[in-house]
Amino acid sequence: MDKQTEIEIQAAAFRRLQKHLMQDRTDVQNIDLMNMAGFCRNCLARWYQEAANEKGIEMGKDEAREIYYGMTMAEWKANYQTEANAEKQAAFEVAFKENVTERD
């Protein structure tokens, strides 16, 4: 496989993951993703931001999240986010420390 085809396939897989999380499974909460998989939608948006920054494209956290989510975080939270119980919040603190570096 040539490099360009590989990049296109990787991009298609990323777009499908994004669609799955943003359209097909809006019921899955970010806190549950982080607690179970060590990443969430915000991580994917941050990785997008970091890739843009590495290419010399200035992009902040809020802009990257809006691009990834297709809406502002306030809109996403109002439409899809539910309250997390104390147990989920405690697990999130552990998962966040284990998986997210101090780049935010």
PDB file of N, CA and C in Angstrom:
ATOM      1  N   MET A   1       0.850  -1.165   0.000  1.00  0.00           N
ATOM      2  CA  MET A   1       0.000   0.000   0.000  1.00  0.00           C
ATOM      3  C   MET A   1       0.901   1.235   0.000  1.00  0.00           C
ATOM      4  N   ASP A   2       0.572   2.197  -0.851  1.00  0.00           N
ATOM      5  CA  ASP A   2       1.380   3.417  -0.876  1.00  0.00           C
ATOM      6  C   ASP A   2       0.976   4.324   0.287  1.00  0.00           C
ATOM      7  N   LYS A   3       1.851   5.250   0.616  1.00  0.00           N
ATOM      8  CA  LYS A   3       1.671   6.116   1.794  1.00  0.00           C
ATOM      9  C   LYS A   3       0.395   6.960   1.700  1.00  0.00           C
ATOM     10  N   GLN A   4       0.102   7.524   0.542  1.00  0.00           N
ATOM     11  CA  GLN A   4      -1.096   8.354   0.388  1.00  0.00           C
ATOM     12  C   GLN A   4      -2.366   7.548   0.622  1.00  0.00           C
ATOM     13  N   THR A   5      -2.410   6.339   0.105  1.00  0.00           N
ATOM     14  CA  THR A   5      -3.578   5.477   0.320  1.00  0.00           C
ATOM     15  C   THR A   5      -3.718   5.146   1.800  1.00  0.00           C
ATOM     16  N   GLU A   6      -2.607   4.865   2.451  1.00  0.00           N
ATOM     17  CA  GLU A   6      -2.639   4.577   3.884  1.00  0.00           C
ATOM     18  C   GLU A   6      -3.205   5.768   4.660  1.00  0.00           C
ATOM     19  N   ILE A   7      -2.755   6.969   4.329  1.00  0.00           N
ATOM     20  CA  ILE A   7      -3.247   8.186   4.996  1.00  0.00           C
ATOM     21  C   ILE A   7      -4.745   8.349   4.760  1.00  0.00           C
ATOM     22  N   GLU A   8      -5.193   8.111   3.540  1.00  0.00           N
ATOM     23  CA  GLU A   8      -6.614   8.245   3.217  1.00  0.00           C
ATOM     24  C   GLU A   8      -7.461   7.227   3.968  1.00  0.00           C
ATOM     25  N   ILE A   9      -6.967   6.015   4.104  1.00  0.00           N
ATOM     26  CA  ILE A   9      -7.684   4.978   4.851  1.00  0.00           C
ATOM     27  C   ILE A   9      -7.719   5.330   6.336  1.00  0.00           C
ATOM     28  N   GLN A  10      -6.610   5.810   6.883  1.00  0.00           N
ATOM     29  CA  GLN A  10      -6.585   6.229   8.284  1.00  0.00           C
ATOM     30  C   GLN A  10      -7.568   7.381   8.514  1.00  0.00           C
ATOM     31  N   ALA A  11      -7.601   8.334   7.604  1.00  0.00           N
ATOM     32  CA  ALA A  11      -8.527   9.464   7.727  1.00  0.00           C
ATOM     33  C   ALA A  11      -9.972   8.988   7.662  1.00  0.00           C
ATOM     34  N   ALA A  12     -10.262   8.038   6.791  1.00  0.00           N
ATOM     35  CA  ALA A  12     -11.618   7.502   6.680  1.00  0.00           C
ATOM     36  C   ALA A  12     -12.019   6.786   7.973  1.00  0.00           C
ATOM     37  N   ALA A  13     -11.085   6.042   8.561  1.00  0.00           N
ATOM     38  CA  ALA A  13     -11.371   5.355   9.818  1.00  0.00           C
ATOM     39  C   ALA A  13     -11.635   6.369  10.935  1.00  0.00           C
ATOM     40  N   PHE A  14     -10.866   7.455  10.964  1.00  0.00           N
ATOM     41  CA  PHE A  14     -11.081   8.502  11.954  1.00  0.00           C
ATOM     42  C   PHE A  14     -12.460   9.129  11.768  1.00  0.00           C
ATOM     43  N   ARG A  15     -12.825   9.436  10.534  1.00  0.00           N
ATOM     44  CA  ARG A  15     -14.139  10.034  10.266  1.00  0.00           C
ATOM     45  C   ARG A  15     -15.256   9.097  10.697  1.00  0.00           C
ATOM     46  N   ARG A  16     -15.077   7.794  10.499  1.00  0.00           N
ATOM     47  CA  ARG A  16     -16.103   6.830  10.906  1.00  0.00           C
ATOM     48  C   ARG A  16     -16.213   6.755  12.417  1.00  0.00           C
ATOM     49  N   LEU A  17     -15.084   6.792  13.122  1.00  0.00           N
ATOM     50  CA  LEU A  17     -15.103   6.830  14.584  1.00  0.00           C
ATOM     51  C   LEU A  17     -15.809   8.095  15.058  1.00  0.00           C
ATOM     52  N   GLN A  18     -15.497   9.205  14.444  1.00  0.00           N
ATOM     53  CA  GLN A  18     -16.141  10.470  14.809  1.00  0.00           C
ATOM     54  C   GLN A  18     -17.653  10.376  14.604  1.00  0.00           C
ATOM     55  N   LYS A  19     -18.092   9.871  13.465  1.00  0.00           N
ATOM     56  CA  LYS A  19     -19.527   9.727  13.187  1.00  0.00           C
ATOM     57  C   LYS A  19     -20.169   8.804  14.219  1.00  0.00           C
ATOM     58  N   HIS A  20     -19.494   7.706  14.513  1.00  0.00           N
ATOM     59  CA  HIS A  20     -20.037   6.750  15.489  1.00  0.00           C
ATOM     60  C   HIS A  20     -20.275   7.423  16.839  1.00  0.00           C
ATOM     61  N   LEU A  21     -19.287   8.193  17.302  1.00  0.00           N
ATOM     62  CA  LEU A  21     -19.394   8.832  18.617  1.00  0.00           C
ATOM     63  C   LEU A  21     -20.301  10.064  18.608  1.00  0.00           C
ATOM     64  N   MET A  22     -20.362  10.768  17.484  1.00  0.00           N
ATOM     65  CA  MET A  22     -21.088  12.035  17.450  1.00  0.00           C
ATOM     66  C   MET A  22     -22.527  11.889  16.955  1.00  0.00           C
ATOM     67  N   GLN A  23     -22.813  10.832  16.209  1.00  0.00           N
ATOM     68  CA  GLN A  23     -24.160  10.663  15.674  1.00  0.00           C
ATOM     69  C   GLN A  23     -24.832   9.359  16.113  1.00  0.00           C
ATOM     70  N   ASP A  24     -24.083   8.275  16.027  1.00  0.00           N
ATOM     71  CA  ASP A  24     -24.676   6.972  16.312  1.00  0.00           C
ATOM     72  C   ASP A  24     -24.798   6.681  17.806  1.00  0.00           C
ATOM     73  N   ARG A  25     -23.840   7.149  18.613  1.00  0.00           N
ATOM     74  CA  ARG A  25     -23.810   6.807  20.042  1.00  0.00           C
ATOM     75  C   ARG A  25     -23.679   8.037  20.934  1.00  0.00           C
ATOM     76  N   THR A  26     -24.549   9.003  20.722  1.00  0.00           N
ATOM     77  CA  THR A  26     -24.537  10.189  21.585  1.00  0.00           C
ATOM     78  C   THR A  26     -24.922   9.834  23.019  1.00  0.00           C
ATOM     79  N   ASP A  27     -25.498   8.659  23.201  1.00  0.00           N
ATOM     80  CA  ASP A  27     -25.877   8.214  24.541  1.00  0.00           C
ATOM     81  C   ASP A  27     -24.673   7.827  25.387  1.00  0.00           C
ATOM     82  N   VAL A  28     -23.563   7.511  24.754  1.00  0.00           N
ATOM     83  CA  VAL A  28     -22.355   7.132  25.489  1.00  0.00           C
ATOM     84  C   VAL A  28     -21.689   8.402  26.004  1.00  0.00           C
ATOM     85  N   GLN A  29     -21.541   8.479  27.291  1.00  0.00           N
ATOM     86  CA  GLN A  29     -20.997   9.672  27.920  1.00  0.00           C
ATOM     87  C   GLN A  29     -19.471   9.692  27.846  1.00  0.00           C
ATOM     88  N   ASN A  30     -18.903  10.891  27.747  1.00  0.00           N
ATOM     89  CA  ASN A  30     -17.451  11.030  27.735  1.00  0.00           C
ATOM     90  C   ASN A  30     -16.817  10.399  28.974  1.00  0.00           C
ATOM     91  N   ILE A  31     -17.447  10.582  30.110  1.00  0.00           N
ATOM     92  CA  ILE A  31     -16.882  10.040  31.355  1.00  0.00           C
ATOM     93  C   ILE A  31     -16.807   8.517  31.285  1.00  0.00           C
ATOM     94  N   ASP A  32     -17.798   7.892  30.657  1.00  0.00           N
ATOM     95  CA  ASP A  32     -17.777   6.433  30.515  1.00  0.00           C
ATOM     96  C   ASP A  32     -16.684   5.996  29.550  1.00  0.00           C
ATOM     97  N   LEU A  33     -16.514   6.743  28.443  1.00  0.00           N
ATOM     98  CA  LEU A  33     -15.428   6.437  27.510  1.00  0.00           C
ATOM     99  C   LEU A  33     -14.076   6.530  28.207  1.00  0.00           C
ATOM    100  N   MET A  34     -13.871   7.608  28.946  1.00  0.00           N
ATOM    101  CA  MET A  34     -12.587   7.804  29.632  1.00  0.00           C
ATOM    102  C   MET A  34     -12.366   6.716  30.667  1.00  0.00           C
ATOM    103  N   ASN A  35     -13.389   6.400  31.420  1.00  0.00           N
ATOM    104  CA  ASN A  35     -13.248   5.397  32.471  1.00  0.00           C
ATOM    105  C   ASN A  35     -12.970   4.003  31.908  1.00  0.00           C
ATOM    106  N   MET A  36     -13.539   3.693  30.763  1.00  0.00           N
ATOM    107  CA  MET A  36     -13.379   2.355  30.200  1.00  0.00           C
ATOM    108  C   MET A  36     -12.217   2.252  29.215  1.00  0.00           C
ATOM    109  N   ALA A  37     -11.994   3.306  28.418  1.00  0.00           N
ATOM    110  CA  ALA A  37     -11.018   3.205  27.330  1.00  0.00           C
ATOM    111  C   ALA A  37      -9.802   4.102  27.501  1.00  0.00           C
ATOM    112  N   GLY A  38      -9.864   5.035  28.435  1.00  0.00           N
ATOM    113  CA  GLY A  38      -8.725   5.927  28.643  1.00  0.00           C
ATOM    114  C   GLY A  38      -8.679   7.094  27.670  1.00  0.00           C
ATOM    115  N   PHE A  39      -9.746   7.301  26.918  1.00  0.00           N
ATOM    116  CA  PHE A  39      -9.863   8.469  26.037  1.00  0.00           C
ATOM    117  C   PHE A  39     -11.345   8.767  25.847  1.00  0.00           C
ATOM    118  N   CYS A  40     -11.632   9.974  25.376  1.00  0.00           N
ATOM    119  CA  CYS A  40     -13.014  10.362  25.117  1.00  0.00           C
ATOM    120  C   CYS A  40     -13.057  11.306  23.914  1.00  0.00           C
ATOM    121  N   ARG A  41     -14.209  11.863  23.646  1.00  0.00           N
ATOM    122  CA  ARG A  41     -14.358  12.794  22.531  1.00  0.00           C
ATOM    123  C   ARG A  41     -13.428  13.997  22.692  1.00  0.00           C
ATOM    124  N   ASN A  42     -13.269  14.477  23.921  1.00  0.00           N
ATOM    125  CA  ASN A  42     -12.384  15.621  24.148  1.00  0.00           C
ATOM    126  C   ASN A  42     -10.941  15.263  23.826  1.00  0.00           C
ATOM    127  N   CYS A  43     -10.535  14.048  24.109  1.00  0.00           N
ATOM    128  CA  CYS A  43      -9.181  13.602  23.755  1.00  0.00           C
ATOM    129  C   CYS A  43      -9.013  13.608  22.243  1.00  0.00           C
ATOM    130  N   LEU A  44     -10.006  13.087  21.527  1.00  0.00           N
ATOM    131  CA  LEU A  44      -9.932  13.073  20.066  1.00  0.00           C
ATOM    132  C   LEU A  44      -9.835  14.496  19.520  1.00  0.00           C
ATOM    133  N   ALA A  45     -10.594  15.418  20.098  1.00  0.00           N
ATOM    134  CA  ALA A  45     -10.513  16.822  19.675  1.00  0.00           C
ATOM    135  C   ALA A  45      -9.132  17.396  19.991  1.00  0.00           C
ATOM    136  N   ARG A  46      -8.580  17.036  21.145  1.00  0.00           N
ATOM    137  CA  ARG A  46      -7.244  17.519  21.509  1.00  0.00           C
ATOM    138  C   ARG A  46      -6.183  16.960  20.558  1.00  0.00           C
ATOM    139  N   TRP A  47      -6.301  15.693  20.198  1.00  0.00           N
ATOM    140  CA  TRP A  47      -5.345  15.104  19.261  1.00  0.00           C
ATOM    141  C   TRP A  47      -5.443  15.781  17.899  1.00  0.00           C
ATOM    142  N   TYR A  48      -6.659  16.145  17.508  1.00  0.00           N
ATOM    143  CA  TYR A  48      -6.871  16.889  16.263  1.00  0.00           C
ATOM    144  C   TYR A  48      -6.161  18.242  16.352  1.00  0.00           C
ATOM    145  N   GLN A  49      -6.355  18.928  17.480  1.00  0.00           N
ATOM    146  CA  GLN A  49      -5.702  20.221  17.724  1.00  0.00           C
ATOM    147  C   GLN A  49      -4.190  20.080  17.672  1.00  0.00           C
ATOM    148  N   GLU A  50      -3.661  19.078  18.345  1.00  0.00           N
ATOM    149  CA  GLU A  50      -2.212  18.876  18.370  1.00  0.00           C
ATOM    150  C   GLU A  50      -1.667  18.610  16.969  1.00  0.00           C
ATOM    151  N   ALA A  51      -2.378  17.819  16.170  1.00  0.00           N
ATOM    152  CA  ALA A  51      -1.948  17.537  14.799  1.00  0.00           C
ATOM    153  C   ALA A  51      -1.957  18.816  13.966  1.00  0.00           C
ATOM    154  N   ALA A  52      -2.979  19.645  14.151  1.00  0.00           N
ATOM    155  CA  ALA A  52      -3.035  20.921  13.431  1.00  0.00           C
ATOM    156  C   ALA A  52      -1.873  21.816  13.852  1.00  0.00           C
ATOM    157  N   ASN A  53      -1.628  21.902  15.159  1.00  0.00           N
ATOM    158  CA  ASN A  53      -0.541  22.735  15.669  1.00  0.00           C
ATOM    159  C   ASN A  53       0.812  22.263  15.142  1.00  0.00           C
ATOM    160  N   GLU A  54       1.007  20.939  15.051  1.00  0.00           N
ATOM    161  CA  GLU A  54       2.250  20.391  14.518  1.00  0.00           C
ATOM    162  C   GLU A  54       2.458  20.774  13.055  1.00  0.00           C
ATOM    163  N   LYS A  55       1.357  21.024  12.334  1.00  0.00           N
ATOM    164  CA  LYS A  55       1.431  21.434  10.929  1.00  0.00           C
ATOM    165  C   LYS A  55       1.513  22.954  10.793  1.00  0.00           C
ATOM    166  N   GLY A  56       1.644  23.650  11.929  1.00  0.00           N
ATOM    167  CA  GLY A  56       1.745  25.106  11.902  1.00  0.00           C
ATOM    168  C   GLY A  56       0.410  25.817  11.841  1.00  0.00           C
ATOM    169  N   ILE A  57      -0.670  25.098  12.053  1.00  0.00           N
ATOM    170  CA  ILE A  57      -2.009  25.688  12.061  1.00  0.00           C
ATOM    171  C   ILE A  57      -2.375  26.009  13.498  1.00  0.00           C
ATOM    172  N   GLU A  58      -2.558  27.283  13.778  1.00  0.00           N
ATOM    173  CA  GLU A  58      -2.924  27.673  15.139  1.00  0.00           C
ATOM    174  C   GLU A  58      -4.378  27.306  15.397  1.00  0.00           C
ATOM    175  N   MET A  59      -4.584  26.557  16.467  1.00  0.00           N
ATOM    176  CA  MET A  59      -5.922  26.116  16.825  1.00  0.00           C
ATOM    177  C   MET A  59      -5.955  25.914  18.323  1.00  0.00           C
ATOM    178  N   GLY A  60      -6.927  26.503  18.963  1.00  0.00           N
ATOM    179  CA  GLY A  60      -7.095  26.349  20.399  1.00  0.00           C
ATOM    180  C   GLY A  60      -8.008  25.192  20.733  1.00  0.00           C
ATOM    181  N   LYS A  61      -8.093  24.883  22.019  1.00  0.00           N
ATOM    182  CA  LYS A  61      -8.896  23.764  22.504  1.00  0.00           C
ATOM    183  C   LYS A  61     -10.370  23.927  22.128  1.00  0.00           C
ATOM    184  N   ASP A  62     -10.919  25.116  22.344  1.00  0.00           N
ATOM    185  CA  ASP A  62     -12.337  25.319  22.054  1.00  0.00           C
ATOM    186  C   ASP A  62     -12.629  25.182  20.566  1.00  0.00           C
ATOM    187  N   GLU A  63     -11.748  25.710  19.720  1.00  0.00           N
ATOM    188  CA  GLU A  63     -11.935  25.599  18.275  1.00  0.00           C
ATOM    189  C   GLU A  63     -11.868  24.142  17.830  1.00  0.00           C
ATOM    190  N   ALA A  64     -10.915  23.403  18.352  1.00  0.00           N
ATOM    191  CA  ALA A  64     -10.786  21.990  17.990  1.00  0.00           C
ATOM    192  C   ALA A  64     -12.015  21.201  18.432  1.00  0.00           C
ATOM    193  N   ARG A  65     -12.498  21.476  19.618  1.00  0.00           N
ATOM    194  CA  ARG A  65     -13.680  20.769  20.098  1.00  0.00           C
ATOM    195  C   ARG A  65     -14.891  21.093  19.229  1.00  0.00           C
ATOM    196  N   GLU A  66     -15.036  22.346  18.851  1.00  0.00           N
ATOM    197  CA  GLU A  66     -16.177  22.713  18.004  1.00  0.00           C
ATOM    198  C   GLU A  66     -16.086  22.038  16.637  1.00  0.00           C
ATOM    199  N   ILE A  67     -14.879  21.938  16.089  1.00  0.00           N
ATOM    200  CA  ILE A  67     -14.699  21.230  14.818  1.00  0.00           C
ATOM    201  C   ILE A  67     -15.042  19.757  15.001  1.00  0.00           C
ATOM    202  N   TYR A  68     -14.523  19.135  16.055  1.00  0.00           N
ATOM    203  CA  TYR A  68     -14.767  17.710  16.260  1.00  0.00           C
ATOM    204  C   TYR A  68     -16.234  17.421  16.570  1.00  0.00           C
ATOM    205  N   TYR A  69     -16.813  18.195  17.485  1.00  0.00           N
ATOM    206  CA  TYR A  69     -18.189  17.963  17.911  1.00  0.00           C
ATOM    207  C   TYR A  69     -19.216  18.432  16.885  1.00  0.00           C
ATOM    208  N   GLY A  70     -18.819  19.378  16.031  1.00  0.00           N
ATOM    209  CA  GLY A  70     -19.777  19.949  15.093  1.00  0.00           C
ATOM    210  C   GLY A  70     -20.717  20.928  15.770  1.00  0.00           C
ATOM    211  N   MET A  71     -20.361  21.342  16.960  1.00  0.00           N
ATOM    212  CA  MET A  71     -21.143  22.291  17.758  1.00  0.00           C
ATOM    213  C   MET A  71     -20.271  22.724  18.929  1.00  0.00           C
ATOM    214  N   THR A  72     -20.710  23.721  19.655  1.00  0.00           N
ATOM    215  CA  THR A  72     -19.944  24.151  20.826  1.00  0.00           C
ATOM    216  C   THR A  72     -20.101  23.119  21.946  1.00  0.00           C
ATOM    217  N   MET A  73     -19.179  23.162  22.883  1.00  0.00           N
ATOM    218  CA  MET A  73     -19.281  22.263  24.035  1.00  0.00           C
ATOM    219  C   MET A  73     -20.559  22.535  24.821  1.00  0.00           C
ATOM    220  N   ALA A  74     -20.942  23.813  24.918  1.00  0.00           N
ATOM    221  CA  ALA A  74     -22.169  24.151  25.638  1.00  0.00           C
ATOM    222  C   ALA A  74     -23.380  23.495  24.973  1.00  0.00           C
ATOM    223  N   GLU A  75     -23.413  23.491  23.644  1.00  0.00           N
ATOM    224  CA  GLU A  75     -24.514  22.844  22.929  1.00  0.00           C
ATOM    225  C   GLU A  75     -24.497  21.336  23.153  1.00  0.00           C
ATOM    226  N   TRP A  76     -23.297  20.720  23.068  1.00  0.00           N
ATOM    227  CA  TRP A  76     -23.190  19.278  23.284  1.00  0.00           C
ATOM    228  C   TRP A  76     -23.680  18.915  24.681  1.00  0.00           C
ATOM    229  N   LYS A  77     -23.197  19.648  25.675  1.00  0.00           N
ATOM    230  CA  LYS A  77     -23.581  19.344  27.055  1.00  0.00           C
ATOM    231  C   LYS A  77     -25.087  19.484  27.255  1.00  0.00           C
ATOM    232  N   ALA A  78     -25.659  20.543  26.688  1.00  0.00           N
ATOM    233  CA  ALA A  78     -27.102  20.764  26.837  1.00  0.00           C
ATOM    234  C   ALA A  78     -27.913  19.662  26.159  1.00  0.00           C
ATOM    235  N   ASN A  79     -27.432  19.165  25.045  1.00  0.00           N
ATOM    236  CA  ASN A  79     -28.175  18.169  24.273  1.00  0.00           C
ATOM    237  C   ASN A  79     -27.943  16.726  24.711  1.00  0.00           C
ATOM    238  N   TYR A  80     -26.733  16.409  25.184  1.00  0.00           N
ATOM    239  CA  TYR A  80     -26.378  14.999  25.356  1.00  0.00           C
ATOM    240  C   TYR A  80     -25.774  14.611  26.700  1.00  0.00           C
ATOM    241  N   GLN A  81     -25.169  15.537  27.409  1.00  0.00           N
ATOM    242  CA  GLN A  81     -24.458  15.152  28.633  1.00  0.00           C
ATOM    243  C   GLN A  81     -25.413  14.985  29.795  1.00  0.00           C
ATOM    244  N   THR A  82     -25.189  13.913  30.555  1.00  0.00           N
ATOM    245  CA  THR A  82     -25.983  13.658  31.750  1.00  0.00           C
ATOM    246  C   THR A  82     -25.086  13.784  32.972  1.00  0.00           C
ATOM    247  N   GLU A  83     -25.703  13.864  34.136  1.00  0.00           N
ATOM    248  CA  GLU A  83     -24.942  13.962  35.379  1.00  0.00           C
ATOM    249  C   GLU A  83     -24.258  12.634  35.682  1.00  0.00           C
ATOM    250  N   ALA A  84     -23.039  12.721  36.159  1.00  0.00           N
ATOM    251  CA  ALA A  84     -22.292  11.528  36.550  1.00  0.00           C
ATOM    252  C   ALA A  84     -22.348  11.383  38.063  1.00  0.00           C
ATOM    253  N   ASN A  85     -22.540  10.154  38.502  1.00  0.00           N
ATOM    254  CA  ASN A  85     -22.582   9.921  39.943  1.00  0.00           C
ATOM    255  C   ASN A  85     -21.167   9.992  40.528  1.00  0.00           C
ATOM    256  N   ALA A  86     -21.101   9.958  41.846  1.00  0.00           N
ATOM    257  CA  ALA A  86     -19.819  10.101  42.550  1.00  0.00           C
ATOM    258  C   ALA A  86     -18.845   8.985  42.181  1.00  0.00           C
ATOM    259  N   GLU A  87     -19.339   7.781  41.986  1.00  0.00           N
ATOM    260  CA  GLU A  87     -18.482   6.643  41.630  1.00  0.00           C
ATOM    261  C   GLU A  87     -17.820   6.878  40.262  1.00  0.00           C
ATOM    262  N   LYS A  88     -18.602   7.326  39.282  1.00  0.00           N
ATOM    263  CA  LYS A  88     -18.048   7.612  37.951  1.00  0.00           C
ATOM    264  C   LYS A  88     -17.047   8.764  38.011  1.00  0.00           C
ATOM    265  N   GLN A  89     -17.365   9.770  38.812  1.00  0.00           N
ATOM    266  CA  GLN A  89     -16.453  10.915  38.932  1.00  0.00           C
ATOM    267  C   GLN A  89     -15.127  10.496  39.555  1.00  0.00           C
ATOM    268  N   ALA A  90     -15.170   9.650  40.551  1.00  0.00           N
ATOM    269  CA  ALA A  90     -13.939   9.170  41.188  1.00  0.00           C
ATOM    270  C   ALA A  90     -13.118   8.327  40.215  1.00  0.00           C
ATOM    271  N   ALA A  91     -13.777   7.465  39.454  1.00  0.00           N
ATOM    272  CA  ALA A  91     -13.073   6.652  38.454  1.00  0.00           C
ATOM    273  C   ALA A  91     -12.470   7.543  37.374  1.00  0.00           C
ATOM    274  N   PHE A  92     -13.178   8.618  37.025  1.00  0.00           N
ATOM    275  CA  PHE A  92     -12.676   9.549  36.020  1.00  0.00           C
ATOM    276  C   PHE A  92     -11.386  10.210  36.489  1.00  0.00           C
ATOM    277  N   GLU A  93     -11.331  10.597  37.746  1.00  0.00           N
ATOM    278  CA  GLU A  93     -10.117  11.235  38.275  1.00  0.00           C
ATOM    279  C   GLU A  93      -8.905  10.320  38.083  1.00  0.00           C
ATOM    280  N   VAL A  94      -9.082   9.042  38.334  1.00  0.00           N
ATOM    281  CA  VAL A  94      -8.006   8.069  38.156  1.00  0.00           C
ATOM    282  C   VAL A  94      -7.668   7.921  36.673  1.00  0.00           C
ATOM    283  N   ALA A  95      -8.679   7.711  35.852  1.00  0.00           N
ATOM    284  CA  ALA A  95      -8.460   7.509  34.412  1.00  0.00           C
ATOM    285  C   ALA A  95      -7.806   8.731  33.779  1.00  0.00           C
ATOM    286  N   PHE A  96      -8.226   9.916  34.189  1.00  0.00           N
ATOM    287  CA  PHE A  96      -7.663  11.141  33.631  1.00  0.00           C
ATOM    288  C   PHE A  96      -6.174  11.244  33.977  1.00  0.00           C
ATOM    289  N   LYS A  97      -5.844  10.997  35.226  1.00  0.00           N
ATOM    290  CA  LYS A  97      -4.440  11.057  35.648  1.00  0.00           C
ATOM    291  C   LYS A  97      -3.589  10.026  34.920  1.00  0.00           C
ATOM    292  N   GLU A  98      -4.151   8.857  34.650  1.00  0.00           N
ATOM    293  CA  GLU A  98      -3.404   7.790  33.987  1.00  0.00           C
ATOM    294  C   GLU A  98      -3.250   8.006  32.481  1.00  0.00           C
ATOM    295  N   ASN A  99      -4.170   8.758  31.871  1.00  0.00           N
ATOM    296  CA  ASN A  99      -4.219   8.813  30.411  1.00  0.00           C
ATOM    297  C   ASN A  99      -4.040  10.177  29.775  1.00  0.00           C
ATOM    298  N   VAL A 100      -4.189  11.233  30.523  1.00  0.00           N
ATOM    299  CA  VAL A 100      -4.139  12.569  29.932  1.00  0.00           C
ATOM    300  C   VAL A 100      -2.933  13.304  30.494  1.00  0.00           C
ATOM    301  N   THR A 101      -2.120  13.815  29.603  1.00  0.00           N
ATOM    302  CA  THR A 101      -0.947  14.573  30.033  1.00  0.00           C
ATOM    303  C   THR A 101      -1.343  16.026  30.275  1.00  0.00           C
ATOM    304  N   GLU A 102      -0.451  16.787  30.815  1.00  0.00           N
ATOM    305  CA  GLU A 102      -0.697  18.185  31.155  1.00  0.00           C
ATOM    306  C   GLU A 102      -0.584  19.111  29.950  1.00  0.00           C
ATOM    307  N   ARG A 103      -1.292  18.821  28.877  1.00  0.00           N
ATOM    308  CA  ARG A 103      -1.249  19.683  27.696  1.00  0.00           C
ATOM    309  C   ARG A 103      -2.466  20.591  27.613  1.00  0.00           C
ATOM    310  N   ASP A 104      -3.509  20.286  28.373  1.00  0.00           N
ATOM    311  CA  ASP A 104      -4.732  21.097  28.305  1.00  0.00           C
ATOM    312  C   ASP A 104      -4.583  22.400  29.037  1.00  0.00           C
TER     313      ASP A 104
END
